[in-house]
Protein backbone atom coordinates (compact mmCIF):
# COMPACT_ATOMS: atom_id res chain seq x y z
CA UNK A 1 0.00 0.00 0.00
CA UNK A 2 1.20 3.51 -0.76
CA UNK A 3 2.16 5.58 2.23
CA UNK A 4 0.01 8.65 2.93
CA UNK A 5 1.60 11.96 2.05
CA UNK A 6 2.85 13.83 5.11
CA UNK A 7 0.94 16.94 6.04
CA UNK A 8 2.55 20.26 5.23
CA UNK A 9 4.31 21.49 8.33
CA UNK A 10 3.77 24.99 9.68
CA UNK A 11 7.41 25.76 8.87
CA UNK A 12 6.96 24.60 5.28
CA UNK A 13 3.76 26.62 4.96
CA UNK A 14 5.60 29.71 6.18
CA UNK A 15 8.25 29.08 3.53
CA UNK A 16 5.52 29.04 0.90
CA UNK A 17 3.60 32.14 1.92
CA UNK A 18 5.92 34.06 4.25
CA UNK A 19 8.14 37.02 3.49
CA UNK A 20 11.22 36.22 1.43
CA UNK A 21 9.91 32.72 0.80
CA UNK A 22 12.54 30.14 -0.19
CA UNK A 23 11.19 28.11 -3.09
CA UNK A 24 12.98 26.08 -5.73
CA UNK A 25 10.59 27.04 -8.53
CA UNK A 26 11.90 28.09 -11.96
CA UNK A 27 15.35 27.72 -10.36
CA UNK A 28 14.52 30.44 -7.81
CA UNK A 29 16.21 30.28 -4.43
CA UNK A 30 14.31 33.24 -3.04
CA UNK A 31 11.02 34.73 -4.19
CA UNK A 32 9.80 38.30 -3.81
CA UNK A 33 6.43 37.94 -2.09
CA UNK A 34 3.96 40.27 -0.43
CA UNK A 35 4.91 41.11 3.16
CA UNK A 36 2.53 40.99 6.11
CA UNK A 37 1.85 44.68 5.46
CA UNK A 38 1.00 43.87 1.85
CA UNK A 39 -1.40 41.15 2.96
CA UNK A 40 -3.07 43.60 5.37
CA UNK A 41 -3.51 46.03 2.47
CA UNK A 42 -5.15 43.31 0.41
CA UNK A 43 -7.60 42.66 3.25
CA UNK A 44 -8.33 46.39 3.55
CA UNK A 45 -8.96 46.78 -0.20
CA UNK A 46 -11.28 43.76 -0.11
CA UNK A 47 -13.36 45.36 2.65
CA UNK A 48 -13.51 48.68 0.76
CA UNK A 49 -14.65 47.05 -2.48
CA UNK A 50 -17.22 44.92 -0.64
CA UNK A 51 -18.73 47.99 1.03
CA UNK A 52 -18.81 49.93 -2.24
CA UNK A 53 -20.54 46.98 -3.93
CA UNK A 54 -23.31 46.97 -1.34
CA UNK A 55 -23.83 50.73 -1.65
CA UNK A 56 -23.91 50.61 -5.45
CA UNK A 57 -26.37 47.70 -5.43
CA UNK A 58 -28.72 49.60 -3.12
CA UNK A 59 -28.63 52.74 -5.27
CA UNK A 60 -28.97 50.74 -8.52
CA UNK A 61 -32.37 49.43 -7.46
CA UNK A 62 -33.84 52.89 -6.83
CA UNK A 63 -34.72 53.61 -10.46
CA UNK A 64 -34.40 52.08 -13.91
CA UNK A 65 -32.26 54.97 -15.15
CA UNK A 66 -29.74 54.72 -12.32
CA UNK A 67 -29.73 50.94 -12.53
CA UNK A 68 -28.67 51.04 -16.17
CA UNK A 69 -25.44 52.78 -15.18
CA UNK A 70 -24.91 51.48 -11.66
CA UNK A 71 -25.49 47.77 -12.23
CA UNK A 72 -22.35 47.37 -14.39
CA UNK A 73 -20.41 49.34 -11.76
CA UNK A 74 -21.83 47.04 -9.06
CA UNK A 75 -20.50 43.99 -10.88
CA UNK A 76 -17.12 45.71 -11.33
CA UNK A 77 -16.62 46.27 -7.61
CA UNK A 78 -18.24 42.94 -6.73
CA UNK A 79 -15.85 40.95 -8.91
CA UNK A 80 -12.94 43.04 -7.65
CA UNK A 81 -13.87 42.25 -4.04
CA UNK A 82 -13.89 38.51 -4.86
CA UNK A 83 -10.45 38.79 -6.47
CA UNK A 84 -9.03 40.68 -3.49
CA UNK A 85 -10.54 38.18 -1.06
CA UNK A 86 -8.76 35.45 -3.02
CA UNK A 87 -5.43 37.28 -2.77
CA UNK A 88 -5.92 38.33 0.86
CA UNK A 89 -6.71 34.75 1.88
CA UNK A 90 -3.45 33.44 0.39
CA UNK A 91 -4.63 32.29 -3.05
CA UNK A 92 -4.78 33.58 -6.60
CA UNK A 93 -1.04 33.72 -7.24
CA UNK A 94 1.81 31.85 -8.91
CA UNK A 95 5.58 32.16 -8.91
CA UNK A 96 6.62 33.92 -12.11
CA UNK A 97 9.82 32.89 -13.95
CA UNK A 98 11.53 36.07 -12.70
CA UNK A 99 11.08 34.84 -9.10
CA UNK A 100 8.24 37.16 -8.15
CA UNK A 101 4.85 36.41 -6.66
CA UNK A 102 2.40 37.16 -9.46
CA UNK A 103 -1.23 37.68 -8.47
CA UNK A 104 -3.03 36.08 -11.42
CA UNK A 105 -6.33 36.77 -9.62
CA UNK A 106 -5.72 40.44 -10.37
CA UNK A 107 -5.39 39.79 -14.09
CA UNK A 108 -8.47 37.55 -14.06
CA UNK A 109 -10.30 40.37 -12.28
CA UNK A 110 -9.21 42.93 -14.88
CA UNK A 111 -10.23 40.69 -17.79
CA UNK A 112 -13.81 40.88 -16.53
CA UNK A 113 -14.11 44.21 -14.74
CA UNK A 114 -12.33 46.57 -17.14
CA UNK A 115 -14.60 45.66 -20.10
CA UNK A 116 -17.58 46.19 -17.76
CA UNK A 117 -16.21 49.62 -16.88
CA UNK A 118 -15.85 50.45 -20.57
CA UNK A 119 -19.40 49.23 -21.12
CA UNK A 120 -20.54 51.62 -18.40
CA UNK A 121 -18.67 54.52 -20.02
CA UNK A 122 -20.07 53.60 -23.42
CA UNK A 123 -23.62 53.70 -22.08
CA UNK A 124 -23.03 57.11 -20.54
CA UNK A 125 -21.46 58.45 -23.75
CA UNK A 126 -24.18 56.93 -25.92
CA UNK A 127 -21.81 55.26 -28.40
CA UNK A 128 -22.83 52.30 -30.56
CA UNK A 129 -22.54 48.68 -29.46
CA UNK A 130 -19.86 47.93 -32.05
CA UNK A 131 -17.71 50.79 -30.74
CA UNK A 132 -18.08 49.39 -27.23
CA UNK A 133 -17.24 45.87 -28.39
CA UNK A 134 -14.14 47.02 -30.28
CA UNK A 135 -12.78 48.89 -27.27
CA UNK A 136 -13.56 45.99 -24.94
CA UNK A 137 -11.60 43.64 -27.22
CA UNK A 138 -8.64 46.05 -27.20
CA UNK A 139 -8.87 46.09 -23.42
CA UNK A 140 -8.84 42.28 -23.18
CA UNK A 141 -5.82 42.11 -25.48
CA UNK A 142 -4.06 44.76 -23.39
CA UNK A 143 -4.60 42.83 -20.15
CA UNK A 144 -3.61 39.52 -21.75
CA UNK A 145 -0.40 41.08 -23.11
CA UNK A 146 0.50 42.33 -19.63
CA UNK A 147 -0.13 38.91 -18.11
CA UNK A 148 1.89 37.06 -20.76
CA UNK A 149 4.72 39.56 -20.34
CA UNK A 150 4.74 39.05 -16.57
CA UNK A 151 5.01 35.30 -17.10
CA UNK A 152 8.04 35.51 -19.39
CA UNK A 153 11.66 36.60 -19.07
CA UNK A 154 14.17 38.16 -21.43
CA UNK A 155 13.54 40.45 -24.38
CA UNK A 156 10.22 38.82 -25.25
CA UNK A 157 8.83 40.37 -22.05
CA UNK A 158 9.20 43.80 -23.62
CA UNK A 159 7.58 42.66 -26.86
CA UNK A 160 4.50 41.78 -24.83
CA UNK A 161 4.68 45.19 -23.10
CA UNK A 162 4.82 46.90 -26.50
CA UNK A 163 1.75 44.96 -27.67
CA UNK A 164 -0.11 45.97 -24.52
CA UNK A 165 0.80 49.63 -25.04
CA UNK A 166 -0.58 49.56 -28.60
CA UNK A 167 -3.98 48.42 -27.31
CA UNK A 168 -3.74 50.89 -24.42
CA UNK A 169 -3.19 53.84 -26.78
CA UNK A 170 -6.28 52.80 -28.74
CA UNK A 171 -8.29 52.89 -25.50
CA UNK A 172 -6.93 56.29 -24.49
CA UNK A 173 -7.67 57.76 -27.94
CA UNK A 174 -11.23 56.43 -27.93
CA UNK A 175 -12.01 57.57 -24.39
CA UNK A 176 -10.37 60.97 -24.81
CA UNK A 177 -11.65 61.86 -28.27
CA UNK A 178 -14.32 59.80 -30.06
CA UNK A 179 -16.31 58.77 -27.00
CA UNK A 180 -15.90 62.21 -25.42
CA UNK A 181 -17.30 63.84 -28.56
CA UNK A 182 -20.23 61.41 -28.53
CA UNK A 183 -20.98 62.22 -24.88
CA UNK A 184 -20.86 65.95 -25.60
CA UNK A 185 -23.16 65.56 -28.61
CA UNK A 186 -25.61 63.57 -26.49
CA UNK A 187 -26.26 66.67 -24.41
CA UNK A 188 -27.55 66.97 -20.88
CA UNK A 189 -25.29 65.87 -18.07
CA UNK A 190 -23.77 63.05 -20.11
CA UNK A 191 -20.76 65.09 -21.17
CA UNK A 192 -19.93 66.20 -17.63
CA UNK A 193 -20.46 62.79 -16.05
CA UNK A 194 -18.55 61.04 -18.81
CA UNK A 195 -15.66 63.52 -18.63
CA UNK A 196 -15.17 62.93 -14.90
CA UNK A 197 -15.36 59.12 -15.06
CA UNK A 198 -13.27 58.83 -18.23
CA UNK A 199 -10.64 61.20 -16.84
CA UNK A 200 -10.24 59.17 -13.65
CA UNK A 201 -10.13 55.96 -15.70
CA UNK A 202 -7.39 57.17 -18.04
CA UNK A 203 -5.24 58.48 -15.16
CA UNK A 204 -5.68 55.31 -13.09
CA UNK A 205 -5.04 52.98 -16.01
CA UNK A 206 -2.08 55.11 -17.09
CA UNK A 207 -0.29 54.14 -13.88
CA UNK A 208 -0.35 50.45 -14.80
CA UNK A 209 2.19 50.35 -17.68
CA UNK A 210 4.58 52.54 -15.68
CA UNK A 211 4.39 50.35 -12.59
CA UNK A 212 4.62 47.24 -14.79
CA UNK A 213 7.95 48.47 -16.23
CA UNK A 214 9.54 48.81 -12.78
CA UNK A 215 7.80 45.81 -11.19
CA UNK A 216 7.22 42.90 -13.58
CA UNK A 217 9.68 44.48 -16.03
CA UNK A 218 12.90 45.45 -14.24
CA UNK A 219 11.90 44.13 -10.81
CA UNK A 220 12.76 47.41 -9.04
CA UNK A 221 9.39 47.65 -7.25
CA UNK A 222 8.58 45.00 -4.68
CA UNK A 223 5.39 42.94 -4.74
CA UNK A 224 4.27 44.72 -1.57
CA UNK A 225 4.64 48.09 -3.31
CA UNK A 226 2.41 46.89 -6.16
CA UNK A 227 -0.53 46.17 -3.86
CA UNK A 228 -1.62 49.77 -3.14
CA UNK A 229 -0.66 51.26 -6.52
CA UNK A 230 -2.41 48.67 -8.73
CA UNK A 231 -5.98 48.51 -7.47
CA UNK A 232 -8.68 46.96 -9.61
C-alpha atoms as a PDB file:
ATOM      1  CA  UNK A   1       0.000   0.000   0.000  1.00  0.00           C
ATOM      2  CA  UNK A   2       1.197   3.509  -0.758  1.00  0.00           C
ATOM      3  CA  UNK A   3       2.157   5.576   2.234  1.00  0.00           C
ATOM      4  CA  UNK A   4       0.007   8.652   2.928  1.00  0.00           C
ATOM      5  CA  UNK A   5       1.603  11.959   2.054  1.00  0.00           C
ATOM      6  CA  UNK A   6       2.852  13.832   5.114  1.00  0.00           C
ATOM      7  CA  UNK A   7       0.937  16.942   6.037  1.00  0.00           C
ATOM      8  CA  UNK A   8       2.552  20.258   5.232  1.00  0.00           C
ATOM      9  CA  UNK A   9       4.306  21.493   8.334  1.00  0.00           C
ATOM     10  CA  UNK A  10       3.769  24.988   9.677  1.00  0.00           C
ATOM     11  CA  UNK A  11       7.411  25.755   8.867  1.00  0.00           C
ATOM     12  CA  UNK A  12       6.961  24.601   5.278  1.00  0.00           C
ATOM     13  CA  UNK A  13       3.760  26.619   4.962  1.00  0.00           C
ATOM     14  CA  UNK A  14       5.602  29.706   6.177  1.00  0.00           C
ATOM     15  CA  UNK A  15       8.249  29.075   3.529  1.00  0.00           C
ATOM     16  CA  UNK A  16       5.520  29.044   0.900  1.00  0.00           C
ATOM     17  CA  UNK A  17       3.598  32.139   1.925  1.00  0.00           C
ATOM     18  CA  UNK A  18       5.920  34.060   4.249  1.00  0.00           C
ATOM     19  CA  UNK A  19       8.141  37.017   3.495  1.00  0.00           C
ATOM     20  CA  UNK A  20      11.218  36.221   1.432  1.00  0.00           C
ATOM     21  CA  UNK A  21       9.913  32.715   0.796  1.00  0.00           C
ATOM     22  CA  UNK A  22      12.537  30.141  -0.190  1.00  0.00           C
ATOM     23  CA  UNK A  23      11.195  28.113  -3.089  1.00  0.00           C
ATOM     24  CA  UNK A  24      12.981  26.077  -5.729  1.00  0.00           C
ATOM     25  CA  UNK A  25      10.585  27.040  -8.527  1.00  0.00           C
ATOM     26  CA  UNK A  26      11.904  28.089 -11.960  1.00  0.00           C
ATOM     27  CA  UNK A  27      15.347  27.718 -10.361  1.00  0.00           C
ATOM     28  CA  UNK A  28      14.523  30.440  -7.812  1.00  0.00           C
ATOM     29  CA  UNK A  29      16.209  30.275  -4.434  1.00  0.00           C
ATOM     30  CA  UNK A  30      14.305  33.245  -3.043  1.00  0.00           C
ATOM     31  CA  UNK A  31      11.021  34.726  -4.188  1.00  0.00           C
ATOM     32  CA  UNK A  32       9.797  38.304  -3.814  1.00  0.00           C
ATOM     33  CA  UNK A  33       6.428  37.936  -2.088  1.00  0.00           C
ATOM     34  CA  UNK A  34       3.956  40.269  -0.427  1.00  0.00           C
ATOM     35  CA  UNK A  35       4.906  41.111   3.162  1.00  0.00           C
ATOM     36  CA  UNK A  36       2.530  40.993   6.105  1.00  0.00           C
ATOM     37  CA  UNK A  37       1.847  44.678   5.459  1.00  0.00           C
ATOM     38  CA  UNK A  38       0.997  43.873   1.853  1.00  0.00           C
ATOM     39  CA  UNK A  39      -1.404  41.150   2.963  1.00  0.00           C
ATOM     40  CA  UNK A  40      -3.065  43.600   5.369  1.00  0.00           C
ATOM     41  CA  UNK A  41      -3.507  46.033   2.475  1.00  0.00           C
ATOM     42  CA  UNK A  42      -5.154  43.306   0.409  1.00  0.00           C
ATOM     43  CA  UNK A  43      -7.598  42.661   3.247  1.00  0.00           C
ATOM     44  CA  UNK A  44      -8.335  46.387   3.550  1.00  0.00           C
ATOM     45  CA  UNK A  45      -8.957  46.778  -0.204  1.00  0.00           C
ATOM     46  CA  UNK A  46     -11.277  43.758  -0.115  1.00  0.00           C
ATOM     47  CA  UNK A  47     -13.360  45.361   2.645  1.00  0.00           C
ATOM     48  CA  UNK A  48     -13.510  48.685   0.756  1.00  0.00           C
ATOM     49  CA  UNK A  49     -14.650  47.045  -2.485  1.00  0.00           C
ATOM     50  CA  UNK A  50     -17.218  44.916  -0.645  1.00  0.00           C
ATOM     51  CA  UNK A  51     -18.727  47.987   1.030  1.00  0.00           C
ATOM     52  CA  UNK A  52     -18.808  49.933  -2.239  1.00  0.00           C
ATOM     53  CA  UNK A  53     -20.539  46.981  -3.928  1.00  0.00           C
ATOM     54  CA  UNK A  54     -23.312  46.967  -1.341  1.00  0.00           C
ATOM     55  CA  UNK A  55     -23.832  50.733  -1.654  1.00  0.00           C
ATOM     56  CA  UNK A  56     -23.910  50.610  -5.454  1.00  0.00           C
ATOM     57  CA  UNK A  57     -26.365  47.703  -5.434  1.00  0.00           C
ATOM     58  CA  UNK A  58     -28.717  49.600  -3.123  1.00  0.00           C
ATOM     59  CA  UNK A  59     -28.635  52.736  -5.272  1.00  0.00           C
ATOM     60  CA  UNK A  60     -28.970  50.744  -8.521  1.00  0.00           C
ATOM     61  CA  UNK A  61     -32.368  49.431  -7.456  1.00  0.00           C
ATOM     62  CA  UNK A  62     -33.838  52.893  -6.833  1.00  0.00           C
ATOM     63  CA  UNK A  63     -34.724  53.607 -10.465  1.00  0.00           C
ATOM     64  CA  UNK A  64     -34.397  52.076 -13.915  1.00  0.00           C
ATOM     65  CA  UNK A  65     -32.263  54.967 -15.150  1.00  0.00           C
ATOM     66  CA  UNK A  66     -29.745  54.722 -12.322  1.00  0.00           C
ATOM     67  CA  UNK A  67     -29.725  50.935 -12.529  1.00  0.00           C
ATOM     68  CA  UNK A  68     -28.669  51.036 -16.172  1.00  0.00           C
ATOM     69  CA  UNK A  69     -25.442  52.781 -15.177  1.00  0.00           C
ATOM     70  CA  UNK A  70     -24.906  51.478 -11.656  1.00  0.00           C
ATOM     71  CA  UNK A  71     -25.492  47.766 -12.232  1.00  0.00           C
ATOM     72  CA  UNK A  72     -22.350  47.368 -14.387  1.00  0.00           C
ATOM     73  CA  UNK A  73     -20.415  49.339 -11.757  1.00  0.00           C
ATOM     74  CA  UNK A  74     -21.825  47.040  -9.065  1.00  0.00           C
ATOM     75  CA  UNK A  75     -20.495  43.991 -10.880  1.00  0.00           C
ATOM     76  CA  UNK A  76     -17.122  45.713 -11.330  1.00  0.00           C
ATOM     77  CA  UNK A  77     -16.618  46.266  -7.608  1.00  0.00           C
ATOM     78  CA  UNK A  78     -18.237  42.937  -6.727  1.00  0.00           C
ATOM     79  CA  UNK A  79     -15.850  40.951  -8.910  1.00  0.00           C
ATOM     80  CA  UNK A  80     -12.935  43.038  -7.646  1.00  0.00           C
ATOM     81  CA  UNK A  81     -13.870  42.251  -4.044  1.00  0.00           C
ATOM     82  CA  UNK A  82     -13.886  38.512  -4.861  1.00  0.00           C
ATOM     83  CA  UNK A  83     -10.446  38.789  -6.466  1.00  0.00           C
ATOM     84  CA  UNK A  84      -9.034  40.676  -3.488  1.00  0.00           C
ATOM     85  CA  UNK A  85     -10.544  38.176  -1.062  1.00  0.00           C
ATOM     86  CA  UNK A  86      -8.763  35.452  -3.019  1.00  0.00           C
ATOM     87  CA  UNK A  87      -5.435  37.282  -2.768  1.00  0.00           C
ATOM     88  CA  UNK A  88      -5.917  38.326   0.859  1.00  0.00           C
ATOM     89  CA  UNK A  89      -6.708  34.747   1.882  1.00  0.00           C
ATOM     90  CA  UNK A  90      -3.454  33.442   0.388  1.00  0.00           C
ATOM     91  CA  UNK A  91      -4.631  32.291  -3.049  1.00  0.00           C
ATOM     92  CA  UNK A  92      -4.777  33.580  -6.597  1.00  0.00           C
ATOM     93  CA  UNK A  93      -1.043  33.717  -7.237  1.00  0.00           C
ATOM     94  CA  UNK A  94       1.807  31.851  -8.907  1.00  0.00           C
ATOM     95  CA  UNK A  95       5.583  32.160  -8.906  1.00  0.00           C
ATOM     96  CA  UNK A  96       6.621  33.920 -12.114  1.00  0.00           C
ATOM     97  CA  UNK A  97       9.820  32.888 -13.954  1.00  0.00           C
ATOM     98  CA  UNK A  98      11.532  36.067 -12.697  1.00  0.00           C
ATOM     99  CA  UNK A  99      11.083  34.836  -9.096  1.00  0.00           C
ATOM    100  CA  UNK A 100       8.240  37.162  -8.150  1.00  0.00           C
ATOM    101  CA  UNK A 101       4.853  36.407  -6.656  1.00  0.00           C
ATOM    102  CA  UNK A 102       2.402  37.157  -9.458  1.00  0.00           C
ATOM    103  CA  UNK A 103      -1.232  37.684  -8.474  1.00  0.00           C
ATOM    104  CA  UNK A 104      -3.028  36.082 -11.418  1.00  0.00           C
ATOM    105  CA  UNK A 105      -6.332  36.765  -9.619  1.00  0.00           C
ATOM    106  CA  UNK A 106      -5.721  40.444 -10.365  1.00  0.00           C
ATOM    107  CA  UNK A 107      -5.391  39.788 -14.094  1.00  0.00           C
ATOM    108  CA  UNK A 108      -8.474  37.549 -14.062  1.00  0.00           C
ATOM    109  CA  UNK A 109     -10.301  40.367 -12.281  1.00  0.00           C
ATOM    110  CA  UNK A 110      -9.213  42.928 -14.878  1.00  0.00           C
ATOM    111  CA  UNK A 111     -10.228  40.694 -17.789  1.00  0.00           C
ATOM    112  CA  UNK A 112     -13.805  40.882 -16.526  1.00  0.00           C
ATOM    113  CA  UNK A 113     -14.110  44.214 -14.735  1.00  0.00           C
ATOM    114  CA  UNK A 114     -12.333  46.567 -17.135  1.00  0.00           C
ATOM    115  CA  UNK A 115     -14.600  45.661 -20.097  1.00  0.00           C
ATOM    116  CA  UNK A 116     -17.581  46.189 -17.765  1.00  0.00           C
ATOM    117  CA  UNK A 117     -16.215  49.625 -16.878  1.00  0.00           C
ATOM    118  CA  UNK A 118     -15.845  50.448 -20.571  1.00  0.00           C
ATOM    119  CA  UNK A 119     -19.399  49.234 -21.118  1.00  0.00           C
ATOM    120  CA  UNK A 120     -20.544  51.618 -18.399  1.00  0.00           C
ATOM    121  CA  UNK A 121     -18.672  54.516 -20.019  1.00  0.00           C
ATOM    122  CA  UNK A 122     -20.072  53.596 -23.423  1.00  0.00           C
ATOM    123  CA  UNK A 123     -23.618  53.701 -22.076  1.00  0.00           C
ATOM    124  CA  UNK A 124     -23.031  57.111 -20.545  1.00  0.00           C
ATOM    125  CA  UNK A 125     -21.456  58.448 -23.754  1.00  0.00           C
ATOM    126  CA  UNK A 126     -24.181  56.929 -25.920  1.00  0.00           C
ATOM    127  CA  UNK A 127     -21.811  55.263 -28.403  1.00  0.00           C
ATOM    128  CA  UNK A 128     -22.825  52.298 -30.557  1.00  0.00           C
ATOM    129  CA  UNK A 129     -22.543  48.676 -29.461  1.00  0.00           C
ATOM    130  CA  UNK A 130     -19.858  47.925 -32.045  1.00  0.00           C
ATOM    131  CA  UNK A 131     -17.711  50.788 -30.736  1.00  0.00           C
ATOM    132  CA  UNK A 132     -18.078  49.394 -27.232  1.00  0.00           C
ATOM    133  CA  UNK A 133     -17.243  45.867 -28.390  1.00  0.00           C
ATOM    134  CA  UNK A 134     -14.137  47.021 -30.282  1.00  0.00           C
ATOM    135  CA  UNK A 135     -12.783  48.892 -27.271  1.00  0.00           C
ATOM    136  CA  UNK A 136     -13.556  45.985 -24.937  1.00  0.00           C
ATOM    137  CA  UNK A 137     -11.598  43.644 -27.224  1.00  0.00           C
ATOM    138  CA  UNK A 138      -8.641  46.050 -27.196  1.00  0.00           C
ATOM    139  CA  UNK A 139      -8.875  46.087 -23.417  1.00  0.00           C
ATOM    140  CA  UNK A 140      -8.838  42.277 -23.178  1.00  0.00           C
ATOM    141  CA  UNK A 141      -5.816  42.108 -25.484  1.00  0.00           C
ATOM    142  CA  UNK A 142      -4.058  44.762 -23.385  1.00  0.00           C
ATOM    143  CA  UNK A 143      -4.603  42.834 -20.146  1.00  0.00           C
ATOM    144  CA  UNK A 144      -3.613  39.521 -21.749  1.00  0.00           C
ATOM    145  CA  UNK A 145      -0.399  41.082 -23.107  1.00  0.00           C
ATOM    146  CA  UNK A 146       0.504  42.332 -19.634  1.00  0.00           C
ATOM    147  CA  UNK A 147      -0.127  38.915 -18.111  1.00  0.00           C
ATOM    148  CA  UNK A 148       1.888  37.064 -20.759  1.00  0.00           C
ATOM    149  CA  UNK A 149       4.721  39.556 -20.336  1.00  0.00           C
ATOM    150  CA  UNK A 150       4.738  39.053 -16.568  1.00  0.00           C
ATOM    151  CA  UNK A 151       5.013  35.300 -17.099  1.00  0.00           C
ATOM    152  CA  UNK A 152       8.039  35.514 -19.390  1.00  0.00           C
ATOM    153  CA  UNK A 153      11.660  36.597 -19.071  1.00  0.00           C
ATOM    154  CA  UNK A 154      14.170  38.160 -21.427  1.00  0.00           C
ATOM    155  CA  UNK A 155      13.545  40.446 -24.382  1.00  0.00           C
ATOM    156  CA  UNK A 156      10.216  38.824 -25.254  1.00  0.00           C
ATOM    157  CA  UNK A 157       8.827  40.370 -22.047  1.00  0.00           C
ATOM    158  CA  UNK A 158       9.203  43.802 -23.618  1.00  0.00           C
ATOM    159  CA  UNK A 159       7.584  42.662 -26.856  1.00  0.00           C
ATOM    160  CA  UNK A 160       4.498  41.778 -24.827  1.00  0.00           C
ATOM    161  CA  UNK A 161       4.682  45.188 -23.099  1.00  0.00           C
ATOM    162  CA  UNK A 162       4.815  46.901 -26.496  1.00  0.00           C
ATOM    163  CA  UNK A 163       1.746  44.959 -27.672  1.00  0.00           C
ATOM    164  CA  UNK A 164      -0.109  45.973 -24.524  1.00  0.00           C
ATOM    165  CA  UNK A 165       0.799  49.629 -25.036  1.00  0.00           C
ATOM    166  CA  UNK A 166      -0.576  49.563 -28.601  1.00  0.00           C
ATOM    167  CA  UNK A 167      -3.978  48.424 -27.313  1.00  0.00           C
ATOM    168  CA  UNK A 168      -3.740  50.891 -24.416  1.00  0.00           C
ATOM    169  CA  UNK A 169      -3.191  53.837 -26.781  1.00  0.00           C
ATOM    170  CA  UNK A 170      -6.280  52.796 -28.735  1.00  0.00           C
ATOM    171  CA  UNK A 171      -8.294  52.887 -25.504  1.00  0.00           C
ATOM    172  CA  UNK A 172      -6.926  56.292 -24.488  1.00  0.00           C
ATOM    173  CA  UNK A 173      -7.671  57.760 -27.939  1.00  0.00           C
ATOM    174  CA  UNK A 174     -11.235  56.432 -27.934  1.00  0.00           C
ATOM    175  CA  UNK A 175     -12.008  57.573 -24.387  1.00  0.00           C
ATOM    176  CA  UNK A 176     -10.367  60.965 -24.815  1.00  0.00           C
ATOM    177  CA  UNK A 177     -11.654  61.857 -28.271  1.00  0.00           C
ATOM    178  CA  UNK A 178     -14.316  59.804 -30.065  1.00  0.00           C
ATOM    179  CA  UNK A 179     -16.306  58.771 -27.003  1.00  0.00           C
ATOM    180  CA  UNK A 180     -15.899  62.209 -25.416  1.00  0.00           C
ATOM    181  CA  UNK A 181     -17.296  63.838 -28.560  1.00  0.00           C
ATOM    182  CA  UNK A 182     -20.225  61.411 -28.534  1.00  0.00           C
ATOM    183  CA  UNK A 183     -20.981  62.216 -24.882  1.00  0.00           C
ATOM    184  CA  UNK A 184     -20.864  65.949 -25.603  1.00  0.00           C
ATOM    185  CA  UNK A 185     -23.162  65.564 -28.606  1.00  0.00           C
ATOM    186  CA  UNK A 186     -25.609  63.569 -26.492  1.00  0.00           C
ATOM    187  CA  UNK A 187     -26.260  66.674 -24.414  1.00  0.00           C
ATOM    188  CA  UNK A 188     -27.553  66.968 -20.878  1.00  0.00           C
ATOM    189  CA  UNK A 189     -25.293  65.869 -18.065  1.00  0.00           C
ATOM    190  CA  UNK A 190     -23.772  63.048 -20.113  1.00  0.00           C
ATOM    191  CA  UNK A 191     -20.759  65.093 -21.171  1.00  0.00           C
ATOM    192  CA  UNK A 192     -19.931  66.205 -17.635  1.00  0.00           C
ATOM    193  CA  UNK A 193     -20.457  62.792 -16.052  1.00  0.00           C
ATOM    194  CA  UNK A 194     -18.550  61.040 -18.811  1.00  0.00           C
ATOM    195  CA  UNK A 195     -15.662  63.521 -18.630  1.00  0.00           C
ATOM    196  CA  UNK A 196     -15.169  62.928 -14.900  1.00  0.00           C
ATOM    197  CA  UNK A 197     -15.357  59.124 -15.061  1.00  0.00           C
ATOM    198  CA  UNK A 198     -13.266  58.831 -18.230  1.00  0.00           C
ATOM    199  CA  UNK A 199     -10.640  61.200 -16.841  1.00  0.00           C
ATOM    200  CA  UNK A 200     -10.245  59.174 -13.654  1.00  0.00           C
ATOM    201  CA  UNK A 201     -10.132  55.960 -15.704  1.00  0.00           C
ATOM    202  CA  UNK A 202      -7.389  57.171 -18.036  1.00  0.00           C
ATOM    203  CA  UNK A 203      -5.241  58.483 -15.155  1.00  0.00           C
ATOM    204  CA  UNK A 204      -5.681  55.307 -13.088  1.00  0.00           C
ATOM    205  CA  UNK A 205      -5.038  52.983 -16.015  1.00  0.00           C
ATOM    206  CA  UNK A 206      -2.083  55.108 -17.091  1.00  0.00           C
ATOM    207  CA  UNK A 207      -0.286  54.140 -13.878  1.00  0.00           C
ATOM    208  CA  UNK A 208      -0.348  50.450 -14.799  1.00  0.00           C
ATOM    209  CA  UNK A 209       2.195  50.351 -17.684  1.00  0.00           C
ATOM    210  CA  UNK A 210       4.576  52.544 -15.678  1.00  0.00           C
ATOM    211  CA  UNK A 211       4.391  50.345 -12.589  1.00  0.00           C
ATOM    212  CA  UNK A 212       4.618  47.243 -14.791  1.00  0.00           C
ATOM    213  CA  UNK A 213       7.949  48.465 -16.229  1.00  0.00           C
ATOM    214  CA  UNK A 214       9.535  48.807 -12.782  1.00  0.00           C
ATOM    215  CA  UNK A 215       7.796  45.814 -11.193  1.00  0.00           C
ATOM    216  CA  UNK A 216       7.216  42.904 -13.582  1.00  0.00           C
ATOM    217  CA  UNK A 217       9.679  44.481 -16.032  1.00  0.00           C
ATOM    218  CA  UNK A 218      12.898  45.451 -14.236  1.00  0.00           C
ATOM    219  CA  UNK A 219      11.904  44.135 -10.815  1.00  0.00           C
ATOM    220  CA  UNK A 220      12.765  47.415  -9.036  1.00  0.00           C
ATOM    221  CA  UNK A 221       9.393  47.654  -7.253  1.00  0.00           C
ATOM    222  CA  UNK A 222       8.577  45.004  -4.680  1.00  0.00           C
ATOM    223  CA  UNK A 223       5.391  42.939  -4.741  1.00  0.00           C
ATOM    224  CA  UNK A 224       4.267  44.718  -1.575  1.00  0.00           C
ATOM    225  CA  UNK A 225       4.636  48.094  -3.305  1.00  0.00           C
ATOM    226  CA  UNK A 226       2.406  46.890  -6.157  1.00  0.00           C
ATOM    227  CA  UNK A 227      -0.535  46.170  -3.855  1.00  0.00           C
ATOM    228  CA  UNK A 228      -1.617  49.774  -3.136  1.00  0.00           C
ATOM    229  CA  UNK A 229      -0.659  51.255  -6.524  1.00  0.00           C
ATOM    230  CA  UNK A 230      -2.410  48.673  -8.731  1.00  0.00           C
ATOM    231  CA  UNK A 231      -5.978  48.509  -7.468  1.00  0.00           C
ATOM    232  CA  UNK A 232      -8.681  46.960  -9.614  1.00  0.00           C
END
